[in-house]
Amino acid sequence: MRLKVNAEASGTRLDVFVAQTISDLSRKKAALIIEAGQVLIDGRKGRKGDVVVAGQTVTMSMPAGANSVLPDDDCPIVLLYEDEHIVAINKPAGRHCALLKSSDRGTVAQVLVAKYPAMTEVGPPLEPGIAHRLDYWTSGILLAAKNSKSYAALRRVFQKHDVRKQYLAICSGNPPNSFFIGEPISHPSRRAGHVMVGEGKGRSATRAETQLSTEDRAGEFALVRALCSTGAMHQVRAHLAHAGHPLIGDEQYGGPPEPDGRFYLHAQRIEFPHPAGGERIQLCCGAPDDFLKRVKALGLNLASNG
């Protein structure tokens, strides 16, 4: 995998840069990969304490056997967009994007490599080609790259916050017609499965901005749209909970329990510059039937599902 160091990452230690580039990779493991000679800076072997500079090229070759994603064509996916550089799919709720461990099956990553075998060499080993993540219960638009150059370009636009995403969410309470949450998001620890909202909490707070508008209300529930230009982990879930309106079923963030044990969040729209030509691409994906069924059951109305 080859990545160009951008201005935002300039001045970062190499082990930190590698850990931030590969999702769920600890700094300690990143250091081991570097010490094994698997990471080059402009063609020379890097050291974990090296500081990367904008314009440099960092090349990572994972140890033999690391790309252990096995194809799985038993779980069909719906294509929303495809060209020679990228693909966009409609991720169903109740499916992981990437492998948590090499023995996992039925993930989006495995479905993608079954359809696009060359994708096994693109990006991190357990989430080949996938440019960003959606949570297990989140449905909707997911972008992936078919080659390393497109992957690096997509990652850069996400890091520069040049991607606009719109979500539909079913939350609790009576939120305002329109409200904005700009509190940063941080992790209490590297392995924590949840995040915290607010300045100075946890490790390395990440910029997070969510503009919300209320589509409809019924009793103790509401249907909201969330617009995001940032993509912090659990951003919409954590920001809504911070505002006092957690997603229904999202007990991790204080939401009321749901009979089926899930929350309802759908990635409905996305706009981003194409990694090859730079033209703006806009994609939309209507909420799935189970989402719409829950909306109706709660007495809510969705004006536009697209």
Protein backbone atom coordinates (compact mmCIF):
# COMPACT_ATOMS: atom_id res chain seq x y z
CA MET A 1 0.00 0.00 0.00
CA ARG A 2 1.41 3.40 -1.02
CA LEU A 3 0.26 6.60 0.68
CA LYS A 4 1.26 10.20 0.04
CA VAL A 5 1.74 12.16 3.26
CA ASN A 6 -0.57 15.17 3.21
CA ALA A 7 -0.23 18.46 5.10
CA GLU A 8 -2.52 17.29 7.91
CA ALA A 9 -0.31 14.26 8.65
CA SER A 10 2.97 16.15 8.24
CA GLY A 11 5.05 16.13 11.42
CA THR A 12 3.59 12.83 12.68
CA ARG A 13 5.83 10.02 13.90
CA LEU A 14 5.96 7.09 11.49
CA ASP A 15 4.52 4.56 13.95
CA VAL A 16 1.59 6.91 14.67
CA PHE A 17 1.04 7.52 10.94
CA VAL A 18 0.91 3.76 10.23
CA ALA A 19 -1.43 3.09 13.17
CA GLN A 20 -3.79 5.87 12.03
CA THR A 21 -3.76 4.64 8.44
CA ILE A 22 -4.64 1.01 9.19
CA SER A 23 -7.86 0.76 11.18
CA ASP A 24 -7.67 -1.09 14.52
CA LEU A 25 -3.87 -1.38 14.33
CA SER A 26 -2.22 -0.46 17.62
CA ARG A 27 0.84 1.75 17.74
CA LYS A 28 2.78 -1.17 19.23
CA LYS A 29 1.92 -3.44 16.29
CA ALA A 30 2.70 -0.62 13.86
CA ALA A 31 6.16 -0.34 15.45
CA LEU A 32 6.71 -4.09 15.00
CA ILE A 33 5.81 -3.85 11.30
CA ILE A 34 8.22 -0.94 10.89
CA GLU A 35 11.00 -2.78 12.75
CA ALA A 36 10.46 -5.76 10.45
CA GLY A 37 11.38 -3.51 7.51
CA GLN A 38 7.86 -3.54 6.06
CA VAL A 39 7.52 0.26 5.89
CA LEU A 40 9.49 2.52 3.55
CA ILE A 41 9.68 6.32 3.38
CA ASP A 42 10.49 7.44 -0.16
CA GLY A 43 12.07 4.05 -0.79
CA ARG A 44 14.21 3.79 2.35
CA LYS A 45 13.44 1.70 5.43
CA GLY A 46 11.67 3.71 8.05
CA ARG A 47 12.22 3.80 11.79
CA LYS A 48 9.34 4.14 14.23
CA GLY A 49 10.60 7.50 15.47
CA ASP A 50 10.97 9.01 12.00
CA VAL A 51 8.78 12.06 11.39
CA VAL A 52 6.91 12.06 8.08
CA VAL A 53 6.75 15.22 5.99
CA ALA A 54 4.12 16.37 3.49
CA GLY A 55 4.91 15.10 0.00
CA GLN A 56 6.72 11.95 1.12
CA THR A 57 5.49 8.52 0.01
CA VAL A 58 5.07 5.85 2.66
CA THR A 59 4.97 2.29 1.32
CA MET A 60 3.68 -0.52 3.52
CA SER A 61 4.03 -4.19 2.62
CA MET A 62 2.30 -6.37 5.17
CA PRO A 63 3.93 -9.60 6.39
CA ALA A 64 3.31 -12.78 4.38
CA GLY A 65 -0.11 -14.24 5.06
CA ALA A 66 -1.56 -10.99 6.40
CA ASN A 67 -4.01 -10.69 3.52
CA SER A 68 -6.15 -13.56 4.76
CA VAL A 69 -9.58 -12.38 3.63
CA LEU A 70 -11.35 -15.36 2.10
CA PRO A 71 -13.93 -14.59 -0.63
CA ASP A 72 -17.58 -15.15 0.29
CA ASP A 73 -20.14 -15.02 -2.51
CA ASP A 74 -23.03 -16.43 -0.45
CA CYS A 75 -24.10 -12.96 0.74
CA PRO A 76 -25.16 -10.86 -2.26
CA ILE A 77 -24.83 -7.08 -2.17
CA VAL A 78 -26.57 -4.32 -4.11
CA LEU A 79 -24.30 -2.14 -6.26
CA LEU A 80 -25.13 1.57 -6.30
CA TYR A 81 -22.24 2.77 -8.45
CA GLU A 82 -19.23 1.26 -10.18
CA ASP A 83 -16.42 2.33 -12.50
CA GLU A 84 -12.82 1.20 -13.03
CA HIS A 85 -11.65 2.99 -9.88
CA ILE A 86 -14.32 2.66 -7.20
CA VAL A 87 -17.49 0.86 -6.22
CA ALA A 88 -20.36 1.92 -3.94
CA ILE A 89 -22.63 -0.67 -2.34
CA ASN A 90 -25.77 -0.69 -0.24
CA LYS A 91 -24.60 -2.26 3.01
CA PRO A 92 -27.39 -4.11 4.81
CA ALA A 93 -27.93 -3.68 8.54
CA GLY A 94 -26.67 -6.59 10.62
CA ARG A 95 -23.45 -7.16 8.70
CA HIS A 96 -19.88 -6.19 9.55
CA CYS A 97 -17.96 -4.13 6.99
CA ALA A 98 -14.64 -5.81 7.67
CA LEU A 99 -13.19 -8.77 9.47
CA LEU A 100 -12.56 -8.39 13.18
CA LYS A 101 -10.41 -11.50 12.95
CA SER A 102 -9.26 -13.64 10.03
CA SER A 103 -11.74 -16.46 10.80
CA ASP A 104 -14.83 -14.22 10.36
CA ARG A 105 -17.25 -14.95 7.51
CA GLY A 106 -20.03 -13.07 5.73
CA THR A 107 -18.47 -9.59 5.95
CA VAL A 108 -18.78 -6.94 3.25
CA ALA A 109 -15.03 -7.19 2.68
CA GLN A 110 -15.32 -10.88 1.79
CA VAL A 111 -18.22 -10.25 -0.56
CA LEU A 112 -16.21 -7.53 -2.30
CA VAL A 113 -13.09 -9.67 -2.80
CA ALA A 114 -15.26 -12.46 -4.18
CA LYS A 115 -16.47 -10.06 -6.87
CA TYR A 116 -13.20 -8.11 -7.25
CA PRO A 117 -10.26 -10.46 -6.46
CA ALA A 118 -7.64 -7.74 -7.08
CA MET A 119 -9.08 -5.83 -4.13
CA THR A 120 -7.25 -8.18 -1.73
CA GLU A 121 -4.11 -6.13 -2.40
CA VAL A 122 -5.78 -2.77 -1.73
CA GLY A 123 -5.66 -1.14 1.68
CA PRO A 124 -5.44 -2.80 5.12
CA PRO A 125 -5.34 -6.61 5.17
CA LEU A 126 -8.64 -7.32 6.96
CA GLU A 127 -10.68 -4.57 5.25
CA PRO A 128 -9.40 -4.60 1.66
CA GLY A 129 -10.52 -1.68 -0.48
CA ILE A 130 -12.97 -0.27 2.07
CA ALA A 131 -12.53 3.50 2.32
CA HIS A 132 -14.64 4.07 5.44
CA ARG A 133 -16.79 2.05 7.83
CA LEU A 134 -20.43 1.73 8.79
CA ASP A 135 -21.42 0.14 12.11
CA TYR A 136 -22.89 -3.37 12.24
CA TRP A 137 -26.49 -2.13 12.51
CA THR A 138 -26.04 0.85 10.16
CA SER A 139 -27.31 0.33 6.61
CA GLY A 140 -26.62 2.34 3.48
CA ILE A 141 -23.88 3.66 1.22
CA LEU A 142 -20.37 2.27 1.61
CA LEU A 143 -17.44 3.21 -0.66
CA ALA A 144 -14.57 0.93 -1.68
CA ALA A 145 -11.60 1.33 -4.01
CA LYS A 146 -10.52 -1.14 -6.70
CA ASN A 147 -6.85 -0.17 -6.70
CA SER A 148 -4.28 1.29 -4.31
CA LYS A 149 -4.08 4.68 -6.01
CA SER A 150 -7.85 5.20 -5.75
CA TYR A 151 -7.81 3.94 -2.17
CA ALA A 152 -5.16 6.47 -1.18
CA ALA A 153 -7.09 9.27 -2.93
CA LEU A 154 -10.35 8.34 -1.19
CA ARG A 155 -8.64 8.19 2.18
CA ARG A 156 -7.22 11.68 1.59
CA VAL A 157 -10.62 13.23 0.84
CA PHE A 158 -12.05 11.66 3.99
CA GLN A 159 -9.11 12.98 6.03
CA LYS A 160 -9.59 16.46 4.52
CA HIS A 161 -13.33 16.33 5.38
CA ASP A 162 -14.22 16.78 1.72
CA VAL A 163 -17.02 14.18 1.91
CA ARG A 164 -20.64 15.10 2.68
CA LYS A 165 -22.79 12.37 4.23
CA GLN A 166 -26.46 12.34 5.17
CA TYR A 167 -27.99 9.83 7.57
CA LEU A 168 -31.52 8.99 8.66
CA ALA A 169 -31.91 8.11 12.31
CA ILE A 170 -34.73 7.12 14.64
CA CYS A 171 -34.02 8.68 18.02
CA SER A 172 -35.73 9.21 21.34
CA GLY A 173 -37.19 12.38 22.81
CA ASN A 174 -38.36 15.63 21.27
CA PRO A 175 -35.39 17.24 19.47
CA PRO A 176 -35.48 20.79 18.05
CA ASN A 177 -36.42 21.40 14.44
CA SER A 178 -32.78 22.12 13.65
CA PHE A 179 -29.66 21.85 15.79
CA PHE A 180 -25.89 21.56 15.46
CA ILE A 181 -23.38 19.56 17.49
CA GLY A 182 -19.70 20.35 17.05
CA GLU A 183 -18.18 18.71 20.10
CA PRO A 184 -15.06 16.64 19.37
CA ILE A 185 -15.11 12.87 19.80
CA SER A 186 -12.44 10.88 21.62
CA HIS A 187 -11.73 7.32 22.75
CA PRO A 188 -11.36 6.54 26.46
CA SER A 189 -8.74 3.95 25.45
CA ARG A 190 -7.39 2.39 22.25
CA ARG A 191 -9.49 -0.77 22.61
CA ALA A 192 -12.67 0.84 23.94
CA GLY A 193 -15.76 -0.01 21.93
CA HIS A 194 -17.39 3.36 22.58
CA VAL A 195 -16.47 7.03 22.31
CA MET A 196 -16.86 10.14 24.45
CA VAL A 197 -18.05 13.59 23.40
CA GLY A 198 -16.47 16.81 24.61
CA GLU A 199 -13.20 18.73 24.69
CA GLY A 200 -10.30 17.14 26.53
CA LYS A 201 -11.89 13.74 27.14
CA GLY A 202 -10.02 10.53 26.41
CA ARG A 203 -7.26 10.03 23.86
CA SER A 204 -6.57 12.35 20.91
CA ALA A 205 -9.94 14.06 20.40
CA THR A 206 -11.15 14.06 16.80
CA ARG A 207 -13.01 16.89 15.09
CA ALA A 208 -16.70 16.02 14.66
CA GLU A 209 -19.50 18.22 13.30
CA THR A 210 -23.11 17.11 12.84
CA GLN A 211 -25.97 19.26 11.54
CA LEU A 212 -29.34 17.75 12.46
CA SER A 213 -32.90 18.46 11.36
CA THR A 214 -36.04 16.82 12.66
CA GLU A 215 -38.17 15.17 9.99
CA ASP A 216 -41.08 14.13 12.22
CA ARG A 217 -42.04 13.43 15.84
CA ALA A 218 -44.47 10.99 17.43
CA GLY A 219 -44.79 10.66 21.19
CA GLU A 220 -41.37 9.87 22.66
CA PHE A 221 -39.69 9.29 19.30
CA ALA A 222 -38.38 11.33 16.38
CA LEU A 223 -37.02 10.82 12.88
CA VAL A 224 -34.01 13.03 12.15
CA ARG A 225 -31.60 13.69 9.30
CA ALA A 226 -27.93 14.13 10.13
CA LEU A 227 -25.48 15.89 7.79
CA CYS A 228 -21.78 15.21 8.42
CA SER A 229 -18.60 16.43 6.77
CA THR A 230 -16.47 14.67 9.37
CA GLY A 231 -16.40 10.94 10.03
CA ALA A 232 -15.44 10.20 13.62
CA MET A 233 -16.25 6.77 15.01
CA HIS A 234 -19.92 6.53 16.13
CA GLN A 235 -20.32 10.24 15.35
CA VAL A 236 -24.09 10.43 14.76
CA ARG A 237 -24.84 7.98 17.57
CA ALA A 238 -22.62 9.75 20.11
CA HIS A 239 -23.66 13.28 19.12
CA LEU A 240 -27.37 12.47 19.35
CA ALA A 241 -26.83 10.85 22.75
CA HIS A 242 -24.86 13.92 23.86
CA ALA A 243 -27.82 16.10 22.86
CA GLY A 244 -30.16 13.93 24.95
CA HIS A 245 -31.69 12.07 22.00
CA PRO A 246 -29.95 8.69 21.67
CA LEU A 247 -30.98 6.32 18.91
CA ILE A 248 -33.70 3.91 19.89
CA GLY A 249 -32.13 0.53 20.58
CA ASP A 250 -28.66 2.03 21.00
CA GLU A 251 -28.25 0.97 24.63
CA GLN A 252 -24.48 1.52 24.40
CA TYR A 253 -25.21 5.27 24.32
CA GLY A 254 -28.24 5.28 26.61
CA GLY A 255 -30.99 4.66 24.06
CA PRO A 256 -34.22 2.88 25.04
CA PRO A 257 -34.14 -0.87 24.30
CA GLU A 258 -35.70 -2.26 21.15
CA PRO A 259 -37.41 -5.69 20.92
CA ASP A 260 -35.06 -6.82 18.13
CA GLY A 261 -31.93 -5.58 19.93
CA ARG A 262 -30.80 -3.15 17.24
CA PHE A 263 -30.65 0.57 16.50
CA TYR A 264 -31.86 2.33 13.33
CA LEU A 265 -29.34 4.42 11.40
CA HIS A 266 -29.15 4.62 7.60
CA ALA A 267 -26.47 6.24 5.42
CA GLN A 268 -28.79 7.76 2.82
CA ARG A 269 -26.63 10.12 0.74
CA ILE A 270 -22.98 10.82 0.04
CA GLU A 271 -21.11 13.41 -2.04
CA PHE A 272 -17.37 13.23 -2.70
CA PRO A 273 -14.75 14.09 -5.33
CA HIS A 274 -13.95 11.20 -7.66
CA PRO A 275 -10.48 9.84 -6.80
CA ALA A 276 -9.38 9.90 -10.45
CA GLY A 277 -11.03 12.89 -12.14
CA GLY A 278 -11.98 15.01 -9.14
CA GLU A 279 -15.56 15.60 -10.31
CA ARG A 280 -18.16 15.60 -7.54
CA ILE A 281 -20.12 12.34 -7.29
CA GLN A 282 -23.50 12.26 -5.56
CA LEU A 283 -25.13 8.96 -4.59
CA CYS A 284 -28.33 8.17 -2.74
CA CYS A 285 -29.82 5.03 -1.26
CA GLY A 286 -33.32 4.70 0.14
CA ALA A 287 -33.85 3.32 3.64
CA PRO A 288 -34.49 -0.46 3.71
CA ASP A 289 -37.85 -2.07 4.36
CA ASP A 290 -37.14 -2.94 8.01
CA PHE A 291 -36.21 0.70 8.72
CA LEU A 292 -39.39 1.96 7.02
CA LYS A 293 -41.47 -0.63 8.87
CA ARG A 294 -40.15 0.63 12.23
CA VAL A 295 -40.77 4.26 11.20
CA LYS A 296 -44.40 3.41 10.44
CA ALA A 297 -44.87 1.35 13.61
CA LEU A 298 -43.77 4.30 15.73
CA GLY A 299 -46.24 6.62 13.98
CA LEU A 300 -43.55 8.60 12.18
CA ASN A 301 -43.61 9.85 8.61
CA LEU A 302 -40.72 10.03 6.15
CA ALA A 303 -41.29 12.71 3.51
CA SER A 304 -38.53 11.58 1.15
CA ASN A 305 -36.70 8.26 1.11
CA GLY A 306 -33.91 9.20 -1.27
